[in-house]
Amino acid sequence: GGGSGSPGESETSNTNPNENGNTGGGGGGTQGTSNGNSAGANPTDNVGISLTEAEIALSEIYDCVSNYGGLNPILGGYLSSQTDSRGHNPLALKIKKFIDDNGGCSAENNSFIELALQALDGFEVDWEEQIINELTDKADCVFQKLKSSSTKFKDMIKKFDGDFPVAHLRYSIDNSLPDSINAVTNNSGQHLIAIRLNGNTMNKRTILGLARTIAHETIHAELYRKVRSVNNLISINDFPGIYDYYRRYLKNWQHQQMAAHYRQTIADILKEFDNNQHSNQFYLDLAWVGLAKTTAWNNLPSSEKTRVINLVSDFKSTGNKNCN
């Protein structure tokens, strides 16, 4: 965390651009052959076509995922159980469309299907953007407002859809983080980049501060996505900016690059989210949170550091903490 001489909060991420472990969505087990037909359905009534669609969709999904270890039996059972008494299974049709729209059967698509089915019991899955949203209450409210209000934020998360099939993105709440850490972004999933927001401090967070944290962590995810897009082998020909900052700073390269080049992006997202209620300088100052201990911060005149620290401290006390 910050302490004296910094804006006083921190976000973090694993920082090695080549860190890409194998802890993605679970596999295991072979899927059953349930076709989703209800015992009470009359095969001669007017739902014959829908029944056939559900049967075909389920069969094709199971055939597809069986090439990559199959679905966990519990998840497969959940998918089959979504077939209603008239033979409709909208979830199966949605998954079938997801597979068709994203290049057919693949290990990456199988991973997302597993992760999505795990999350669907109470959470939101965006099949088009390939984002799993496990946020709740205040955090989800801020996230939804970011998506609806900020063009730049929407453009960032769109990079994780099927047109850029590198990794999926998941947002969740983590109650095990210390109070000094607002959030973490983890790049170790095989097909997943995971953003975890601190649930312990959620009630104390301002709405704008929480929006800044989500934007900050999504930039981390986007930088990781770029690294993954070149098979974790960054060169000056692919992403010269990342190449430069990684060579110069190694462990803290993302924060160094964000402090020098992404603060205006964060400020622009906050301005859209906040309906331009403050000056550009105000949003730029808020964007420093999590970016202390960088060369750009250290190079600021002491008067600017003092202004930022005071603004951040004052706003934490006086800013709106309710999202509705």
C-alpha atoms as a PDB file:
ATOM      1  CA  GLY A   1       0.000   0.000   0.000  1.00  0.00           C
ATOM      2  CA  GLY A   2       0.923   3.627  -0.265  1.00  0.00           C
ATOM      3  CA  GLY A   3       1.792   5.181   3.111  1.00  0.00           C
ATOM      4  CA  SER A   4       3.245   8.632   3.229  1.00  0.00           C
ATOM      5  CA  GLY A   5       4.502  10.105  -0.014  1.00  0.00           C
ATOM      6  CA  SER A   6       2.022   8.214  -2.206  1.00  0.00           C
ATOM      7  CA  PRO A   7      -1.699   8.379  -3.010  1.00  0.00           C
ATOM      8  CA  GLY A   8      -2.173   5.679  -0.398  1.00  0.00           C
ATOM      9  CA  GLU A   9      -3.862   2.706  -2.080  1.00  0.00           C
ATOM     10  CA  SER A  10      -2.604  -0.027  -4.321  1.00  0.00           C
ATOM     11  CA  GLU A  11      -3.663  -2.431  -6.964  1.00  0.00           C
ATOM     12  CA  THR A  12      -1.466  -5.287  -7.996  1.00  0.00           C
ATOM     13  CA  SER A  13      -0.981  -7.965 -10.599  1.00  0.00           C
ATOM     14  CA  ASN A  14       1.444 -10.715 -11.384  1.00  0.00           C
ATOM     15  CA  THR A  15       3.955  -8.874 -13.513  1.00  0.00           C
ATOM     16  CA  ASN A  16       5.941 -11.342 -15.605  1.00  0.00           C
ATOM     17  CA  PRO A  17       4.674 -11.015 -19.199  1.00  0.00           C
ATOM     18  CA  ASN A  18       5.619 -14.644 -19.800  1.00  0.00           C
ATOM     19  CA  GLU A  19       3.630 -15.901 -16.783  1.00  0.00           C
ATOM     20  CA  ASN A  20       0.903 -18.040 -18.230  1.00  0.00           C
ATOM     21  CA  GLY A  21       0.200 -21.032 -16.022  1.00  0.00           C
ATOM     22  CA  ASN A  22      -2.193 -23.897 -16.456  1.00  0.00           C
ATOM     23  CA  THR A  23      -4.852 -23.296 -13.826  1.00  0.00           C
ATOM     24  CA  GLY A  24      -7.707 -22.508 -16.204  1.00  0.00           C
ATOM     25  CA  GLY A  25     -11.172 -24.012 -16.256  1.00  0.00           C
ATOM     26  CA  GLY A  26     -11.577 -27.529 -14.973  1.00  0.00           C
ATOM     27  CA  GLY A  27     -12.127 -30.499 -17.190  1.00  0.00           C
ATOM     28  CA  GLY A  28     -12.352 -34.065 -16.205  1.00  0.00           C
ATOM     29  CA  GLY A  29     -14.856 -36.782 -16.708  1.00  0.00           C
ATOM     30  CA  THR A  30     -16.859 -37.809 -19.693  1.00  0.00           C
ATOM     31  CA  GLN A  31     -20.172 -36.210 -20.302  1.00  0.00           C
ATOM     32  CA  GLY A  32     -23.396 -38.152 -20.056  1.00  0.00           C
ATOM     33  CA  THR A  33     -25.719 -38.615 -22.992  1.00  0.00           C
ATOM     34  CA  SER A  34     -28.866 -36.982 -21.662  1.00  0.00           C
ATOM     35  CA  ASN A  35     -30.712 -35.352 -24.542  1.00  0.00           C
ATOM     36  CA  GLY A  36     -32.798 -33.078 -22.340  1.00  0.00           C
ATOM     37  CA  ASN A  37     -36.206 -34.638 -23.266  1.00  0.00           C
ATOM     38  CA  SER A  38     -38.818 -34.299 -20.535  1.00  0.00           C
ATOM     39  CA  ALA A  39     -40.716 -37.451 -19.591  1.00  0.00           C
ATOM     40  CA  GLY A  40     -43.899 -35.436 -19.785  1.00  0.00           C
ATOM     41  CA  ALA A  41     -43.358 -33.979 -23.256  1.00  0.00           C
ATOM     42  CA  ASN A  42     -45.646 -35.132 -26.031  1.00  0.00           C
ATOM     43  CA  PRO A  43     -43.524 -35.830 -29.152  1.00  0.00           C
ATOM     44  CA  THR A  44     -46.493 -35.149 -31.399  1.00  0.00           C
ATOM     45  CA  ASP A  45     -47.348 -31.660 -30.137  1.00  0.00           C
ATOM     46  CA  ASN A  46     -46.163 -28.346 -31.578  1.00  0.00           C
ATOM     47  CA  VAL A  47     -42.809 -28.276 -29.741  1.00  0.00           C
ATOM     48  CA  GLY A  48     -41.251 -30.931 -31.950  1.00  0.00           C
ATOM     49  CA  ILE A  49     -38.908 -28.476 -33.658  1.00  0.00           C
ATOM     50  CA  SER A  50     -37.791 -26.979 -30.338  1.00  0.00           C
ATOM     51  CA  LEU A  51     -37.178 -30.437 -28.935  1.00  0.00           C
ATOM     52  CA  THR A  52     -35.074 -31.286 -31.934  1.00  0.00           C
ATOM     53  CA  GLU A  53     -33.123 -28.050 -31.584  1.00  0.00           C
ATOM     54  CA  ALA A  54     -32.415 -28.793 -27.932  1.00  0.00           C
ATOM     55  CA  GLU A  55     -31.402 -32.383 -28.694  1.00  0.00           C
ATOM     56  CA  ILE A  56     -29.114 -31.328 -31.521  1.00  0.00           C
ATOM     57  CA  ALA A  57     -27.564 -28.502 -29.522  1.00  0.00           C
ATOM     58  CA  LEU A  58     -26.870 -30.685 -26.473  1.00  0.00           C
ATOM     59  CA  SER A  59     -25.489 -33.509 -28.602  1.00  0.00           C
ATOM     60  CA  GLU A  60     -23.176 -31.182 -30.527  1.00  0.00           C
ATOM     61  CA  ILE A  61     -21.991 -29.474 -27.336  1.00  0.00           C
ATOM     62  CA  TYR A  62     -21.156 -32.813 -25.690  1.00  0.00           C
ATOM     63  CA  ASP A  63     -19.412 -34.070 -28.830  1.00  0.00           C
ATOM     64  CA  CYS A  64     -17.428 -30.841 -29.040  1.00  0.00           C
ATOM     65  CA  VAL A  65     -16.232 -30.719 -25.441  1.00  0.00           C
ATOM     66  CA  SER A  66     -15.466 -34.454 -25.370  1.00  0.00           C
ATOM     67  CA  ASN A  67     -12.440 -33.681 -27.547  1.00  0.00           C
ATOM     68  CA  TYR A  68     -10.995 -31.650 -24.663  1.00  0.00           C
ATOM     69  CA  GLY A  69     -11.749 -33.813 -21.637  1.00  0.00           C
ATOM     70  CA  GLY A  70     -15.507 -33.328 -21.540  1.00  0.00           C
ATOM     71  CA  LEU A  71     -17.568 -31.293 -19.117  1.00  0.00           C
ATOM     72  CA  ASN A  72     -17.441 -31.879 -15.410  1.00  0.00           C
ATOM     73  CA  PRO A  73     -20.414 -34.259 -14.832  1.00  0.00           C
ATOM     74  CA  ILE A  74     -22.063 -31.818 -12.411  1.00  0.00           C
ATOM     75  CA  LEU A  75     -21.888 -29.033 -14.982  1.00  0.00           C
ATOM     76  CA  GLY A  76     -23.139 -31.350 -17.710  1.00  0.00           C
ATOM     77  CA  GLY A  77     -26.039 -32.306 -15.505  1.00  0.00           C
ATOM     78  CA  TYR A  78     -26.791 -28.644 -14.875  1.00  0.00           C
ATOM     79  CA  LEU A  79     -26.821 -27.949 -18.623  1.00  0.00           C
ATOM     80  CA  SER A  80     -29.192 -30.853 -19.307  1.00  0.00           C
ATOM     81  CA  SER A  81     -31.421 -29.807 -16.423  1.00  0.00           C
ATOM     82  CA  GLN A  82     -32.121 -26.496 -18.137  1.00  0.00           C
ATOM     83  CA  THR A  83     -34.403 -28.298 -20.613  1.00  0.00           C
ATOM     84  CA  ASP A  84     -37.940 -27.414 -19.577  1.00  0.00           C
ATOM     85  CA  SER A  85     -41.118 -29.478 -19.768  1.00  0.00           C
ATOM     86  CA  ARG A  86     -41.735 -28.382 -23.343  1.00  0.00           C
ATOM     87  CA  GLY A  87     -38.259 -29.343 -24.481  1.00  0.00           C
ATOM     88  CA  HIS A  88     -36.784 -25.845 -24.652  1.00  0.00           C
ATOM     89  CA  ASN A  89     -33.197 -25.312 -23.523  1.00  0.00           C
ATOM     90  CA  PRO A  90     -32.186 -21.691 -24.265  1.00  0.00           C
ATOM     91  CA  LEU A  91     -28.853 -22.171 -22.495  1.00  0.00           C
ATOM     92  CA  ALA A  92     -27.889 -25.052 -24.789  1.00  0.00           C
ATOM     93  CA  LEU A  93     -28.788 -22.980 -27.851  1.00  0.00           C
ATOM     94  CA  LYS A  94     -26.764 -20.076 -26.488  1.00  0.00           C
ATOM     95  CA  ILE A  95     -23.705 -22.294 -25.929  1.00  0.00           C
ATOM     96  CA  LYS A  96     -24.086 -23.838 -29.383  1.00  0.00           C
ATOM     97  CA  LYS A  97     -24.161 -20.343 -30.896  1.00  0.00           C
ATOM     98  CA  PHE A  98     -21.111 -19.383 -28.841  1.00  0.00           C
ATOM     99  CA  ILE A  99     -19.176 -22.367 -30.240  1.00  0.00           C
ATOM    100  CA  ASP A 100     -20.268 -21.638 -33.815  1.00  0.00           C
ATOM    101  CA  ASP A 101     -19.454 -17.927 -33.537  1.00  0.00           C
ATOM    102  CA  ASN A 102     -15.995 -18.526 -32.105  1.00  0.00           C
ATOM    103  CA  GLY A 103     -14.342 -20.934 -34.483  1.00  0.00           C
ATOM    104  CA  GLY A 104     -15.925 -24.212 -33.443  1.00  0.00           C
ATOM    105  CA  CYS A 105     -14.544 -26.727 -30.976  1.00  0.00           C
ATOM    106  CA  SER A 106     -11.365 -25.681 -29.189  1.00  0.00           C
ATOM    107  CA  ALA A 107      -9.677 -26.017 -25.829  1.00  0.00           C
ATOM    108  CA  GLU A 108     -10.220 -22.311 -25.218  1.00  0.00           C
ATOM    109  CA  ASN A 109     -13.950 -22.479 -25.960  1.00  0.00           C
ATOM    110  CA  ASN A 110     -14.278 -25.570 -23.764  1.00  0.00           C
ATOM    111  CA  SER A 111     -12.553 -23.703 -20.934  1.00  0.00           C
ATOM    112  CA  PHE A 112     -14.945 -20.768 -21.209  1.00  0.00           C
ATOM    113  CA  ILE A 113     -18.001 -23.046 -21.281  1.00  0.00           C
ATOM    114  CA  GLU A 114     -16.829 -24.721 -18.064  1.00  0.00           C
ATOM    115  CA  LEU A 115     -16.123 -21.400 -16.356  1.00  0.00           C
ATOM    116  CA  ALA A 116     -19.418 -19.932 -17.547  1.00  0.00           C
ATOM    117  CA  LEU A 117     -21.488 -22.899 -16.338  1.00  0.00           C
ATOM    118  CA  GLN A 118     -19.801 -22.646 -12.947  1.00  0.00           C
ATOM    119  CA  ALA A 119     -20.686 -18.957 -12.760  1.00  0.00           C
ATOM    120  CA  LEU A 120     -24.247 -19.098 -14.091  1.00  0.00           C
ATOM    121  CA  ASP A 121     -25.759 -20.039 -10.723  1.00  0.00           C
ATOM    122  CA  GLY A 122     -26.311 -16.478  -9.563  1.00  0.00           C
ATOM    123  CA  PHE A 123     -23.857 -14.587 -11.754  1.00  0.00           C
ATOM    124  CA  GLU A 124     -23.751 -12.977 -15.187  1.00  0.00           C
ATOM    125  CA  VAL A 125     -22.067 -14.407 -18.279  1.00  0.00           C
ATOM    126  CA  ASP A 126     -21.579 -12.308 -21.398  1.00  0.00           C
ATOM    127  CA  TRP A 127     -21.260 -14.977 -24.095  1.00  0.00           C
ATOM    128  CA  GLU A 128     -20.546 -12.432 -26.821  1.00  0.00           C
ATOM    129  CA  GLU A 129     -17.764 -10.554 -25.030  1.00  0.00           C
ATOM    130  CA  GLN A 130     -16.628 -13.728 -23.223  1.00  0.00           C
ATOM    131  CA  ILE A 131     -16.682 -12.057 -19.832  1.00  0.00           C
ATOM    132  CA  ILE A 132     -17.729 -13.757 -16.613  1.00  0.00           C
ATOM    133  CA  ASN A 133     -19.092 -11.265 -14.127  1.00  0.00           C
ATOM    134  CA  GLU A 134     -19.226 -12.617 -10.578  1.00  0.00           C
ATOM    135  CA  LEU A 135     -19.477  -9.170  -9.022  1.00  0.00           C
ATOM    136  CA  THR A 136     -22.402  -8.420  -6.730  1.00  0.00           C
ATOM    137  CA  ASP A 137     -24.216  -5.442  -5.248  1.00  0.00           C
ATOM    138  CA  LYS A 138     -22.150  -2.237  -5.234  1.00  0.00           C
ATOM    139  CA  ALA A 139     -19.289  -3.630  -7.329  1.00  0.00           C
ATOM    140  CA  ASP A 140     -21.669  -4.974  -9.984  1.00  0.00           C
ATOM    141  CA  CYS A 141     -23.574  -1.678 -10.025  1.00  0.00           C
ATOM    142  CA  VAL A 142     -20.360   0.238 -10.754  1.00  0.00           C
ATOM    143  CA  PHE A 143     -19.277  -2.317 -13.368  1.00  0.00           C
ATOM    144  CA  GLN A 144     -22.606  -2.116 -15.199  1.00  0.00           C
ATOM    145  CA  LYS A 145     -22.468   1.693 -15.182  1.00  0.00           C
ATOM    146  CA  LEU A 146     -18.938   1.596 -16.561  1.00  0.00           C
ATOM    147  CA  LYS A 147     -20.083  -0.632 -19.420  1.00  0.00           C
ATOM    148  CA  SER A 148     -23.065   1.574 -20.213  1.00  0.00           C
ATOM    149  CA  SER A 149     -21.388   4.971 -19.813  1.00  0.00           C
ATOM    150  CA  SER A 150     -17.784   4.686 -20.982  1.00  0.00           C
ATOM    151  CA  THR A 151     -16.900   4.052 -24.605  1.00  0.00           C
ATOM    152  CA  LYS A 152     -13.229   3.550 -23.741  1.00  0.00           C
ATOM    153  CA  PHE A 153     -14.054   0.953 -21.092  1.00  0.00           C
ATOM    154  CA  LYS A 154     -16.350  -0.922 -23.473  1.00  0.00           C
ATOM    155  CA  ASP A 155     -13.604  -0.878 -26.111  1.00  0.00           C
ATOM    156  CA  MET A 156     -11.161  -2.415 -23.633  1.00  0.00           C
ATOM    157  CA  ILE A 157     -13.368  -5.293 -22.581  1.00  0.00           C
ATOM    158  CA  LYS A 158     -14.375  -5.945 -26.207  1.00  0.00           C
ATOM    159  CA  LYS A 159     -10.755  -7.014 -26.814  1.00  0.00           C
ATOM    160  CA  PHE A 160     -11.620 -10.236 -24.944  1.00  0.00           C
ATOM    161  CA  ASP A 161     -14.403 -11.327 -27.300  1.00  0.00           C
ATOM    162  CA  GLY A 162     -14.245 -13.946 -30.030  1.00  0.00           C
ATOM    163  CA  ASP A 163     -12.569 -11.592 -32.492  1.00  0.00           C
ATOM    164  CA  PHE A 164      -9.480 -11.589 -30.245  1.00  0.00           C
ATOM    165  CA  PRO A 165      -9.439 -15.223 -29.025  1.00  0.00           C
ATOM    166  CA  VAL A 166      -6.548 -15.008 -26.570  1.00  0.00           C
ATOM    167  CA  ALA A 167      -8.058 -15.163 -23.095  1.00  0.00           C
ATOM    168  CA  HIS A 168     -11.353 -14.799 -21.283  1.00  0.00           C
ATOM    169  CA  LEU A 169     -11.917 -12.237 -18.564  1.00  0.00           C
ATOM    170  CA  ARG A 170     -13.491 -12.822 -15.154  1.00  0.00           C
ATOM    171  CA  TYR A 171     -14.400 -10.250 -12.505  1.00  0.00           C
ATOM    172  CA  SER A 172     -15.034 -11.456  -8.951  1.00  0.00           C
ATOM    173  CA  ILE A 173     -14.948 -10.452  -5.279  1.00  0.00           C
ATOM    174  CA  ASP A 174     -12.121 -11.649  -2.998  1.00  0.00           C
ATOM    175  CA  ASN A 175     -12.595 -11.372   0.767  1.00  0.00           C
ATOM    176  CA  SER A 176      -9.083 -12.636   1.553  1.00  0.00           C
ATOM    177  CA  LEU A 177      -7.173  -9.583   0.309  1.00  0.00           C
ATOM    178  CA  PRO A 178      -5.616  -7.232   2.878  1.00  0.00           C
ATOM    179  CA  ASP A 179      -7.184  -3.789   3.258  1.00  0.00           C
ATOM    180  CA  SER A 180      -4.139  -2.160   1.641  1.00  0.00           C
ATOM    181  CA  ILE A 181      -4.853  -3.892  -1.697  1.00  0.00           C
ATOM    182  CA  ASN A 182      -7.845  -2.707  -3.712  1.00  0.00           C
ATOM    183  CA  ALA A 183      -7.678  -5.516  -6.274  1.00  0.00           C
ATOM    184  CA  VAL A 184      -5.427  -8.011  -8.022  1.00  0.00           C
ATOM    185  CA  THR A 185      -5.238  -9.208 -11.616  1.00  0.00           C
ATOM    186  CA  ASN A 186      -3.972 -12.737 -12.176  1.00  0.00           C
ATOM    187  CA  ASN A 187      -2.670 -13.987 -15.508  1.00  0.00           C
ATOM    188  CA  SER A 188      -1.947 -17.592 -14.510  1.00  0.00           C
ATOM    189  CA  GLY A 189      -5.085 -19.225 -15.935  1.00  0.00           C
ATOM    190  CA  GLN A 190      -4.625 -21.272 -19.085  1.00  0.00           C
ATOM    191  CA  HIS A 191      -7.383 -19.408 -20.919  1.00  0.00           C
ATOM    192  CA  LEU A 192      -8.361 -16.909 -18.250  1.00  0.00           C
ATOM    193  CA  ILE A 193      -7.301 -13.543 -16.880  1.00  0.00           C
ATOM    194  CA  ALA A 194      -8.955 -13.014 -13.489  1.00  0.00           C
ATOM    195  CA  ILE A 195      -9.630  -9.663 -11.789  1.00  0.00           C
ATOM    196  CA  ARG A 196     -10.475  -9.907  -8.077  1.00  0.00           C
ATOM    197  CA  LEU A 197     -11.793  -6.876  -6.189  1.00  0.00           C
ATOM    198  CA  ASN A 198     -11.314  -6.590  -2.436  1.00  0.00           C
ATOM    199  CA  GLY A 199     -14.626  -7.349  -0.755  1.00  0.00           C
ATOM    200  CA  ASN A 200     -13.473  -6.367   2.725  1.00  0.00           C
ATOM    201  CA  THR A 201     -13.188  -2.671   1.897  1.00  0.00           C
ATOM    202  CA  MET A 202     -16.151  -2.458  -0.490  1.00  0.00           C
ATOM    203  CA  ASN A 203     -18.446  -0.532   1.856  1.00  0.00           C
ATOM    204  CA  LYS A 204     -15.794   2.153   2.419  1.00  0.00           C
ATOM    205  CA  ARG A 205     -14.999   2.677  -1.257  1.00  0.00           C
ATOM    206  CA  THR A 206     -16.281   5.688  -3.185  1.00  0.00           C
ATOM    207  CA  ILE A 207     -18.134   4.902  -6.390  1.00  0.00           C
ATOM    208  CA  LEU A 208     -15.607   6.822  -8.470  1.00  0.00           C
ATOM    209  CA  GLY A 209     -12.698   5.181  -6.678  1.00  0.00           C
ATOM    210  CA  LEU A 210     -14.167   1.750  -7.357  1.00  0.00           C
ATOM    211  CA  ALA A 211     -14.664   2.646 -11.020  1.00  0.00           C
ATOM    212  CA  ARG A 212     -11.017   3.698 -11.147  1.00  0.00           C
ATOM    213  CA  THR A 213      -9.927   0.380  -9.633  1.00  0.00           C
ATOM    214  CA  ILE A 214     -11.945  -1.598 -12.192  1.00  0.00           C
ATOM    215  CA  ALA A 215     -10.492   0.493 -15.046  1.00  0.00           C
ATOM    216  CA  HIS A 216      -6.962   0.154 -13.632  1.00  0.00           C
ATOM    217  CA  GLU A 217      -7.234  -3.635 -13.346  1.00  0.00           C
ATOM    218  CA  THR A 218      -8.813  -3.976 -16.785  1.00  0.00           C
ATOM    219  CA  ILE A 219      -5.778  -2.186 -18.244  1.00  0.00           C
ATOM    220  CA  HIS A 220      -3.594  -4.784 -16.508  1.00  0.00           C
ATOM    221  CA  ALA A 221      -5.721  -7.474 -18.165  1.00  0.00           C
ATOM    222  CA  GLU A 222      -5.417  -5.777 -21.558  1.00  0.00           C
ATOM    223  CA  LEU A 223      -1.622  -5.622 -21.260  1.00  0.00           C
ATOM    224  CA  TYR A 224      -1.574  -9.332 -20.417  1.00  0.00           C
ATOM    225  CA  ARG A 225      -3.885 -10.008 -23.373  1.00  0.00           C
ATOM    226  CA  LYS A 226      -1.417  -8.305 -25.699  1.00  0.00           C
ATOM    227  CA  VAL A 227       1.419 -10.432 -24.349  1.00  0.00           C
ATOM    228  CA  ARG A 228      -0.640 -13.605 -24.797  1.00  0.00           C
ATOM    229  CA  SER A 229      -1.506 -12.605 -28.369  1.00  0.00           C
ATOM    230  CA  VAL A 230       2.155 -13.107 -29.357  1.00  0.00           C
ATOM    231  CA  ASN A 231       2.520 -16.360 -27.418  1.00  0.00           C
ATOM    232  CA  ASN A 232       4.185 -14.568 -24.483  1.00  0.00           C
ATOM    233  CA  LEU A 233       7.197 -13.719 -26.637  1.00  0.00           C
ATOM    234  CA  ILE A 234       7.327  -9.935 -26.734  1.00  0.00           C
ATOM    235  CA  SER A 235       9.578  -8.312 -29.296  1.00  0.00           C
ATOM    236  CA  ILE A 236      10.188  -4.750 -30.382  1.00  0.00           C
ATOM    237  CA  ASN A 237       8.306  -5.541 -33.609  1.00  0.00           C
ATOM    238  CA  ASP A 238       5.059  -6.531 -31.858  1.00  0.00           C
ATOM    239  CA  PHE A 239       4.495  -4.188 -28.941  1.00  0.00           C
ATOM    240  CA  PRO A 240       7.498  -1.869 -28.685  1.00  0.00           C
ATOM    241  CA  GLY A 241       6.063  -0.083 -25.646  1.00  0.00           C
ATOM    242  CA  ILE A 242       5.671  -3.267 -23.617  1.00  0.00           C
ATOM    243  CA  TYR A 243       9.062  -4.482 -24.873  1.00  0.00           C
ATOM    244  CA  ASP A 244      10.703  -1.262 -23.721  1.00  0.00           C
ATOM    245  CA  TYR A 245       9.113  -1.179 -20.261  1.00  0.00           C
ATOM    246  CA  TYR A 246       9.676  -4.870 -19.601  1.00  0.00           C
ATOM    247  CA  ARG A 247      13.362  -4.589 -20.527  1.00  0.00           C
ATOM    248  CA  ARG A 248      13.820  -1.519 -18.336  1.00  0.00           C
ATOM    249  CA  TYR A 249      11.733  -2.432 -15.302  1.00  0.00           C
ATOM    250  CA  LEU A 250      11.056  -6.175 -15.365  1.00  0.00           C
ATOM    251  CA  LYS A 251       8.921  -6.842 -12.268  1.00  0.00           C
ATOM    252  CA  ASN A 252       6.972  -3.579 -12.130  1.00  0.00           C
ATOM    253  CA  TRP A 253       6.816  -2.933 -15.868  1.00  0.00           C
ATOM    254  CA  GLN A 254       3.018  -2.664 -16.090  1.00  0.00           C
ATOM    255  CA  HIS A 255       2.681   0.026 -13.424  1.00  0.00           C
ATOM    256  CA  GLN A 256       5.610   1.897 -14.911  1.00  0.00           C
ATOM    257  CA  GLN A 257       3.975   1.883 -18.345  1.00  0.00           C
ATOM    258  CA  MET A 258       0.541   2.746 -16.953  1.00  0.00           C
ATOM    259  CA  ALA A 259       1.900   5.694 -14.935  1.00  0.00           C
ATOM    260  CA  ALA A 260       3.626   7.115 -18.001  1.00  0.00           C
ATOM    261  CA  HIS A 261       1.026   6.390 -20.687  1.00  0.00           C
ATOM    262  CA  TYR A 262      -2.376   5.260 -19.333  1.00  0.00           C
ATOM    263  CA  ARG A 263      -3.396   7.848 -16.755  1.00  0.00           C
ATOM    264  CA  GLN A 264      -5.276   9.898 -19.342  1.00  0.00           C
ATOM    265  CA  THR A 265      -7.094   6.740 -20.431  1.00  0.00           C
ATOM    266  CA  ILE A 266      -8.181   6.137 -16.835  1.00  0.00           C
ATOM    267  CA  ALA A 267      -9.143   9.817 -16.491  1.00  0.00           C
ATOM    268  CA  ASP A 268     -11.231   9.666 -19.689  1.00  0.00           C
ATOM    269  CA  ILE A 269     -13.063   6.555 -18.446  1.00  0.00           C
ATOM    270  CA  LEU A 270     -13.795   8.268 -15.127  1.00  0.00           C
ATOM    271  CA  LYS A 271     -14.997  11.438 -16.848  1.00  0.00           C
ATOM    272  CA  GLU A 272     -17.508   9.469 -18.910  1.00  0.00           C
ATOM    273  CA  PHE A 273     -18.580   7.457 -15.873  1.00  0.00           C
ATOM    274  CA  ASP A 274     -18.906  10.595 -13.719  1.00  0.00           C
ATOM    275  CA  ASN A 275     -20.596  12.725 -16.372  1.00  0.00           C
ATOM    276  CA  ASN A 276     -17.737  15.258 -16.326  1.00  0.00           C
ATOM    277  CA  GLN A 277     -18.602  16.629 -12.901  1.00  0.00           C
ATOM    278  CA  HIS A 278     -14.965  17.605 -12.220  1.00  0.00           C
ATOM    279  CA  SER A 279     -11.960  18.948 -14.112  1.00  0.00           C
ATOM    280  CA  ASN A 280      -9.658  16.780 -16.196  1.00  0.00           C
ATOM    281  CA  GLN A 281      -6.925  17.416 -13.609  1.00  0.00           C
ATOM    282  CA  PHE A 282      -9.149  15.981 -10.872  1.00  0.00           C
ATOM    283  CA  TYR A 283      -9.571  12.695 -12.769  1.00  0.00           C
ATOM    284  CA  LEU A 284      -5.866  12.608 -13.676  1.00  0.00           C
ATOM    285  CA  ASP A 285      -4.998  12.993 -10.002  1.00  0.00           C
ATOM    286  CA  LEU A 286      -7.305  10.126  -9.033  1.00  0.00           C
ATOM    287  CA  ALA A 287      -5.630   7.999 -11.708  1.00  0.00           C
ATOM    288  CA  TRP A 288      -2.377   8.118  -9.716  1.00  0.00           C
ATOM    289  CA  VAL A 289      -3.819   5.756  -7.106  1.00  0.00           C
ATOM    290  CA  GLY A 290      -1.979   2.453  -7.422  1.00  0.00           C
ATOM    291  CA  LEU A 291       0.773   4.028  -9.521  1.00  0.00           C
ATOM    292  CA  ALA A 292       3.095   5.391  -6.848  1.00  0.00           C
ATOM    293  CA  LYS A 293       6.557   3.829  -6.612  1.00  0.00           C
ATOM    294  CA  THR A 294       6.989   4.478 -10.328  1.00  0.00           C
ATOM    295  CA  THR A 295       9.483   6.663 -12.127  1.00  0.00           C
ATOM    296  CA  ALA A 296       6.721   8.969 -13.379  1.00  0.00           C
ATOM    297  CA  TRP A 297       5.471   9.532  -9.824  1.00  0.00           C
ATOM    298  CA  ASN A 298       8.964  10.030  -8.417  1.00  0.00           C
ATOM    299  CA  ASN A 299       9.680  12.638 -11.083  1.00  0.00           C
ATOM    300  CA  LEU A 300       6.719  14.806 -10.071  1.00  0.00           C
ATOM    301  CA  PRO A 301       7.487  18.049  -8.237  1.00  0.00           C
ATOM    302  CA  SER A 302       6.780  17.728  -4.525  1.00  0.00           C
ATOM    303  CA  SER A 303       3.983  20.289  -4.831  1.00  0.00           C
ATOM    304  CA  GLU A 304       2.144  18.078  -7.341  1.00  0.00           C
ATOM    305  CA  LYS A 305       2.582  15.001  -5.165  1.00  0.00           C
ATOM    306  CA  THR A 306       1.153  16.899  -2.219  1.00  0.00           C
ATOM    307  CA  ARG A 307      -1.845  18.032  -4.287  1.00  0.00           C
ATOM    308  CA  VAL A 308      -2.559  14.483  -5.442  1.00  0.00           C
ATOM    309  CA  ILE A 309      -2.189  12.967  -1.968  1.00  0.00           C
ATOM    310  CA  ASN A 310      -4.484  15.562  -0.434  1.00  0.00           C
ATOM    311  CA  LEU A 311      -7.101  15.261  -3.175  1.00  0.00           C
ATOM    312  CA  VAL A 312      -7.177  11.452  -2.934  1.00  0.00           C
ATOM    313  CA  SER A 313      -7.393  11.555   0.858  1.00  0.00           C
ATOM    314  CA  ASP A 314     -10.153  14.173   0.888  1.00  0.00           C
ATOM    315  CA  PHE A 315     -12.195  12.417  -1.788  1.00  0.00           C
ATOM    316  CA  LYS A 316     -12.013   9.084   0.059  1.00  0.00           C
ATOM    317  CA  SER A 317     -13.787  10.817   2.934  1.00  0.00           C
ATOM    318  CA  THR A 318     -16.244  12.994   1.062  1.00  0.00           C
ATOM    319  CA  GLY A 319     -16.963  11.122  -2.187  1.00  0.00           C
ATOM    320  CA  ASN A 320     -20.249   9.338  -2.852  1.00  0.00           C
ATOM    321  CA  LYS A 321     -20.184   5.724  -1.630  1.00  0.00           C
ATOM    322  CA  ASN A 322     -23.615   4.606  -2.859  1.00  0.00           C
ATOM    323  CA  CYS A 323     -24.304   3.197  -6.323  1.00  0.00           C
ATOM    324  CA  ASN A 324     -27.878   3.133  -7.488  1.00  0.00           C
END
